[in-house]
Each structure stands twice: as structure tokens, then as C-alpha cells.
Amino acid sequence: MPKTIEFRRPDGQAVNGHLAEADAPLGAVVVIQEWWGVNAQILGVAERLAAAGFTALVPDLYRGKSTVEAEEANHLMSGLNFGDAATQDVRGAVLALKGLHAGSGKVAVTGFCMGGALTWLSLSHVPELDAGVAWYGYPPLEYVDATKITQPVMAHWATQDQAFAIAGVDALEAKLREAGVRYEGHRYLAHHAFANETAQGPGRIPISQYDAFWAQRAWDRTLRFLGQHLG
């Protein structure tokens, strides 16, 4: 289980995070939560990365709050200042990992759903980042300044995603091409949250559906990408 630590934002405020340390790290990754908050599933992502050789830090963007109810999750997400989260919380987490000098000392960011949207914002606002992997999420495209994304990026998209329409992915990818971003995008015949193993059974929200096959394919690609750019 990741241990709870405290790190500082660039503005000096203290934030809690959950750190999963790799035994012989290649590099490090900031993991950004879904709209549910920091829960067992997202901590499991951090543990998975640590087992693969990447020390992982999950910043607690909701300051200790989490939920299993979609309505409450939407309320928590709506109350989050995305710009502040990217430029302060995520950047603070990146700097904290840089200070650990894990492996190569390089740090990537990855995020899912809401965290995917924040991944794009972080890539354009956190110059210390070395790479990024976004999972089925993007912010309103007017907030994506692709000219500021200098890091290599991988993204995983679900063609049947009802939360983040594939037409928006087309528009985002056009911006990335125009800006010359080093980008590798993958599309899967899947629904939203296809890599979240809790998105199955009667408790899942209707637009989401875990797909073990595509999740494994996306994780294989992700770990290869992180090894290439952080190792």
C-alpha cells in the first residue's frame, strides 16, 4: 500500500500525496485520480507502476474526500480549480518526485478521465515534466495550448466513449499535429473507463465498462512508452 506523504506546492502550501516506491526505479510518475477521488483503485494504479519500476505519487486533489456516487463525484469535480490543480498540486508532485532522484530522475504524468484532462493541462503548464500518458480524458480544447507541449505524449481513447466524444479527440489530435507535438495515440473499440477494473457489474455507471483485453494492451503500451522516455 502506498504511504502517505506531504509535499509542497510551488506557492508553499502543503498537500498530501500517496507514494508507491519502486525497488529499483527507472524513473517516476505522477498519477492523477479520476473524478471519484483518491480511492483503492487509483492507489492500485500507483502500485502497478511501482511494481513495473516507476516510483509513483498520487496527489490528493480533493483533500481527503472521495466517493462512490456519481452525483457526488460530479460535485467534487465541479468544485476543483483545474488550473490550480495542474500548476500547483501536480507541479508540486512533479518537483517532489524530482527531489527523490528516482532512477533517471525523469518524471512523467498520467491520469484517467478527469485525470486525463488534467494530464493535458499539466503537460502544457509544468515544464519540469518529461513525458505524459493520458487515458480517455481531455479538457475543453480552448484550454489546450499544444505549442507549449514539448514532451512526448501517449494517449488512450475509447471509440464508444460517451463522456469524451471521439470527435473531440479528432480535434485535439489536429491541434497536436499542427504544433508538431511528439504524440502517439491509440483508439480502442471500448467504452469509457475501459481500464478501470471496478467499472464492471451492477455498481458501474452506465457509460463505463471495463475491458480486460484492451486494458492490458493499453498498459503494455504505456509501460513500454514510460521505459523508453524515463529509463
Protein backbone atom coordinates (compact mmCIF):
# COMPACT_ATOMS: atom_id res chain seq x y z
CA MET A 1 0.00 0.00 0.00
CA PRO A 2 1.38 3.44 -0.88
CA LYS A 3 2.45 5.54 2.09
CA THR A 4 1.01 8.98 2.78
CA ILE A 5 3.48 11.83 2.47
CA GLU A 6 3.32 15.62 2.46
CA PHE A 7 4.83 17.74 -0.27
CA ARG A 8 4.83 21.46 -1.07
CA ARG A 9 3.18 23.24 -3.96
CA PRO A 10 5.17 25.98 -5.70
CA ASP A 11 3.15 28.53 -3.72
CA GLY A 12 4.28 26.90 -0.45
CA GLN A 13 1.00 25.23 0.53
CA ALA A 14 1.25 21.68 1.86
CA VAL A 15 -0.55 18.83 0.07
CA ASN A 16 -0.87 15.18 0.98
CA GLY A 17 0.00 12.51 -1.53
CA HIS A 18 0.34 8.75 -1.66
CA LEU A 19 3.77 7.43 -2.63
CA ALA A 20 4.46 3.95 -4.02
CA GLU A 21 8.22 3.43 -4.30
CA ALA A 22 9.82 1.08 -6.81
CA ASP A 23 12.63 -1.13 -5.50
CA ALA A 24 14.98 -0.25 -8.37
CA PRO A 25 13.28 2.69 -10.10
CA LEU A 26 13.78 3.63 -13.71
CA GLY A 27 12.04 6.95 -13.18
CA ALA A 28 8.89 8.35 -11.57
CA VAL A 29 5.25 9.10 -12.44
CA VAL A 30 2.60 11.44 -11.02
CA VAL A 31 -0.76 9.64 -11.10
CA ILE A 32 -3.88 11.84 -11.33
CA GLN A 33 -7.15 10.49 -9.97
CA GLU A 34 -10.49 10.03 -11.67
CA TRP A 35 -13.44 12.15 -10.52
CA TRP A 36 -14.08 9.69 -7.67
CA GLY A 37 -11.08 10.99 -5.71
CA VAL A 38 -8.14 9.03 -4.34
CA ASN A 39 -9.55 5.54 -3.81
CA ALA A 40 -8.27 1.98 -3.70
CA GLN A 41 -8.41 1.65 -7.48
CA ILE A 42 -6.17 4.66 -8.20
CA LEU A 43 -3.77 3.62 -5.43
CA GLY A 44 -3.65 0.26 -7.20
CA VAL A 45 -2.50 2.08 -10.34
CA ALA A 46 0.36 3.59 -8.33
CA GLU A 47 1.30 0.15 -7.01
CA ARG A 48 1.19 -1.29 -10.52
CA LEU A 49 3.60 1.37 -11.75
CA ALA A 50 5.92 0.80 -8.77
CA ALA A 51 5.97 -2.93 -9.47
CA ALA A 52 6.96 -2.12 -13.07
CA GLY A 53 9.86 0.06 -11.92
CA PHE A 54 8.38 3.55 -11.67
CA THR A 55 8.04 5.30 -8.31
CA ALA A 56 4.54 6.80 -8.31
CA LEU A 57 2.95 9.69 -6.42
CA VAL A 58 -0.81 10.34 -6.29
CA PRO A 59 -1.57 13.93 -5.19
CA ASP A 60 -4.78 14.24 -3.16
CA LEU A 61 -6.59 16.86 -5.23
CA TYR A 62 -9.81 16.63 -3.18
CA ARG A 63 -8.01 16.99 0.15
CA GLY A 64 -9.15 13.70 1.64
CA LYS A 65 -12.59 13.47 0.01
CA SER A 66 -13.70 10.61 -2.21
CA THR A 67 -16.98 8.99 -3.17
CA VAL A 68 -18.60 6.06 -4.98
CA GLU A 69 -21.66 8.11 -6.03
CA ALA A 70 -21.59 9.70 -9.49
CA GLU A 71 -23.59 12.75 -8.37
CA GLU A 72 -21.17 13.48 -5.53
CA ALA A 73 -18.18 12.82 -7.80
CA ASN A 74 -19.53 15.38 -10.26
CA HIS A 75 -19.96 17.84 -7.37
CA LEU A 76 -16.37 17.31 -6.20
CA MET A 77 -15.01 17.66 -9.73
CA SER A 78 -17.05 20.81 -10.34
CA GLY A 79 -15.53 22.36 -7.23
CA LEU A 80 -11.98 21.69 -8.38
CA ASN A 81 -9.96 24.56 -9.85
CA PHE A 82 -8.32 22.71 -12.75
CA GLY A 83 -5.77 25.41 -13.45
CA ASP A 84 -4.67 25.49 -9.83
CA ALA A 85 -4.58 21.71 -9.66
CA ALA A 86 -2.29 21.48 -12.70
CA THR A 87 0.04 24.39 -11.95
CA GLN A 88 0.24 23.88 -8.19
CA ASP A 89 -0.76 20.40 -6.99
CA VAL A 90 0.56 18.43 -9.95
CA ARG A 91 3.61 20.61 -10.40
CA GLY A 92 4.38 20.28 -6.69
CA ALA A 93 4.11 16.50 -7.01
CA VAL A 94 6.45 16.55 -10.03
CA LEU A 95 9.00 18.63 -8.13
CA ALA A 96 8.72 16.32 -5.11
CA LEU A 97 9.50 13.32 -7.31
CA LYS A 98 12.35 15.18 -8.97
CA GLY A 99 13.77 15.65 -5.48
CA LEU A 100 13.78 11.90 -4.90
CA HIS A 101 16.13 11.36 -7.89
CA ALA A 102 14.40 8.07 -8.67
CA GLY A 103 16.35 6.23 -11.33
CA SER A 104 17.00 8.61 -14.23
CA GLY A 105 15.41 11.45 -12.28
CA LYS A 106 12.84 11.91 -15.06
CA VAL A 107 9.15 12.29 -14.20
CA ALA A 108 6.03 11.64 -16.27
CA VAL A 109 2.37 12.34 -15.57
CA THR A 110 -0.57 10.04 -16.21
CA GLY A 111 -4.26 10.42 -15.47
CA PHE A 112 -7.63 8.84 -16.10
CA CYS A 113 -10.92 10.53 -17.12
CA MET A 114 -10.78 13.80 -15.13
CA GLY A 115 -7.13 12.96 -14.57
CA GLY A 116 -6.68 12.58 -18.32
CA ALA A 117 -7.94 16.13 -18.82
CA LEU A 118 -5.55 17.33 -16.12
CA THR A 119 -2.72 15.43 -17.79
CA TRP A 120 -3.09 17.62 -20.89
CA LEU A 121 -3.19 20.80 -18.80
CA SER A 122 -0.16 19.68 -16.80
CA LEU A 123 1.86 18.93 -19.93
CA SER A 124 1.38 22.49 -21.13
CA HIS A 125 1.93 24.16 -17.73
CA VAL A 126 4.57 22.07 -15.92
CA PRO A 127 7.89 22.50 -17.73
CA GLU A 128 9.66 20.01 -15.44
CA LEU A 129 7.68 17.09 -16.89
CA ASP A 130 9.49 14.67 -19.18
CA ALA A 131 6.53 12.72 -20.65
CA GLY A 132 2.81 12.12 -20.29
CA VAL A 133 0.18 9.41 -20.77
CA ALA A 134 -3.50 10.46 -20.92
CA TRP A 135 -6.32 7.97 -20.55
CA TYR A 136 -9.73 8.82 -22.10
CA GLY A 137 -9.96 12.42 -20.99
CA TYR A 138 -9.39 15.92 -22.35
CA PRO A 139 -10.33 19.43 -21.18
CA PRO A 140 -12.22 21.97 -23.29
CA LEU A 141 -9.88 22.28 -26.25
CA GLU A 142 -9.54 26.05 -25.96
CA TYR A 143 -7.55 25.38 -22.78
CA VAL A 144 -5.04 23.13 -24.55
CA ASP A 145 -2.07 25.16 -25.80
CA ALA A 146 -0.37 22.48 -27.87
CA THR A 147 2.52 24.81 -28.69
CA LYS A 148 3.62 24.53 -25.06
CA ILE A 149 3.67 20.71 -25.01
CA THR A 150 7.31 19.86 -25.56
CA GLN A 151 7.25 16.38 -24.02
CA PRO A 152 6.41 13.11 -25.77
CA VAL A 153 2.80 12.09 -25.12
CA MET A 154 0.81 8.88 -25.42
CA ALA A 155 -2.99 8.78 -25.21
CA HIS A 156 -5.57 6.01 -24.98
CA TRP A 157 -9.07 6.68 -26.33
CA ALA A 158 -12.32 4.70 -26.37
CA THR A 159 -14.23 4.97 -29.64
CA GLN A 160 -17.56 4.42 -27.84
CA ASP A 161 -16.84 6.90 -25.06
CA GLN A 162 -19.96 8.92 -24.18
CA ALA A 163 -18.10 11.17 -21.74
CA PHE A 164 -15.32 12.30 -24.10
CA ALA A 165 -16.55 12.12 -27.69
CA ILE A 166 -14.17 10.79 -30.29
CA ALA A 167 -14.89 13.89 -32.40
CA GLY A 168 -13.18 15.90 -29.67
CA VAL A 169 -10.22 13.53 -29.90
CA ASP A 170 -10.05 14.23 -33.64
CA ALA A 171 -9.94 17.97 -32.96
CA LEU A 172 -7.33 17.60 -30.22
CA GLU A 173 -5.11 15.45 -32.40
CA ALA A 174 -5.34 18.04 -35.19
CA LYS A 175 -4.04 20.67 -32.76
CA LEU A 176 -1.21 18.38 -31.70
CA ARG A 177 -0.20 17.70 -35.31
CA GLU A 178 -0.25 21.39 -36.15
CA ALA A 179 2.02 22.14 -33.18
CA GLY A 180 4.40 19.28 -34.00
CA VAL A 181 3.85 17.50 -30.67
CA ARG A 182 5.57 14.11 -30.35
CA TYR A 183 2.33 12.20 -29.98
CA GLU A 184 1.30 8.54 -30.06
CA GLY A 185 -2.46 7.98 -29.90
CA HIS A 186 -4.30 4.66 -29.65
CA ARG A 187 -8.01 4.01 -30.12
CA TYR A 188 -9.88 1.02 -28.73
CA LEU A 189 -13.30 -0.39 -29.52
CA ALA A 190 -14.37 0.18 -25.95
CA HIS A 191 -16.42 2.33 -23.59
CA HIS A 192 -15.37 4.97 -21.10
CA ALA A 193 -13.16 3.78 -18.21
CA PHE A 194 -12.22 0.60 -20.06
CA ALA A 195 -9.01 0.35 -17.98
CA ASN A 196 -10.74 0.73 -14.60
CA GLU A 197 -11.28 -2.78 -13.25
CA THR A 198 -14.03 -1.54 -10.91
CA ALA A 199 -16.16 -0.41 -13.89
CA GLN A 200 -18.00 -3.68 -14.19
CA GLY A 201 -21.00 -5.37 -12.62
CA PRO A 202 -24.17 -3.73 -11.29
CA GLY A 203 -22.28 -0.94 -9.49
CA ARG A 204 -20.75 0.66 -12.58
CA ILE A 205 -22.12 3.85 -14.08
CA PRO A 206 -23.90 3.13 -17.40
CA ILE A 207 -21.38 4.85 -19.70
CA SER A 208 -18.42 2.91 -18.33
CA GLN A 209 -17.31 -0.67 -18.95
CA TYR A 210 -14.06 -2.37 -18.04
CA ASP A 211 -12.45 -4.33 -20.87
CA ALA A 212 -9.64 -6.61 -19.68
CA PHE A 213 -8.21 -7.21 -23.16
CA TRP A 214 -7.93 -3.56 -24.18
CA ALA A 215 -6.82 -2.53 -20.70
CA GLN A 216 -3.89 -4.94 -20.87
CA ARG A 217 -2.99 -3.77 -24.38
CA ALA A 218 -3.03 -0.13 -23.22
CA TRP A 219 -0.94 -0.92 -20.14
CA ASP A 220 1.62 -2.81 -22.22
CA ARG A 221 1.96 0.21 -24.49
CA THR A 222 2.13 2.57 -21.53
CA LEU A 223 4.92 0.72 -19.76
CA ARG A 224 6.90 0.47 -22.99
CA PHE A 225 6.48 4.21 -23.53
CA LEU A 226 7.49 5.08 -19.95
CA GLY A 227 10.52 2.82 -20.16
CA GLN A 228 11.56 4.47 -23.42
CA HIS A 229 11.22 8.05 -22.16
CA LEU A 230 12.04 7.75 -18.45
CA GLY A 231 14.54 4.90 -18.32
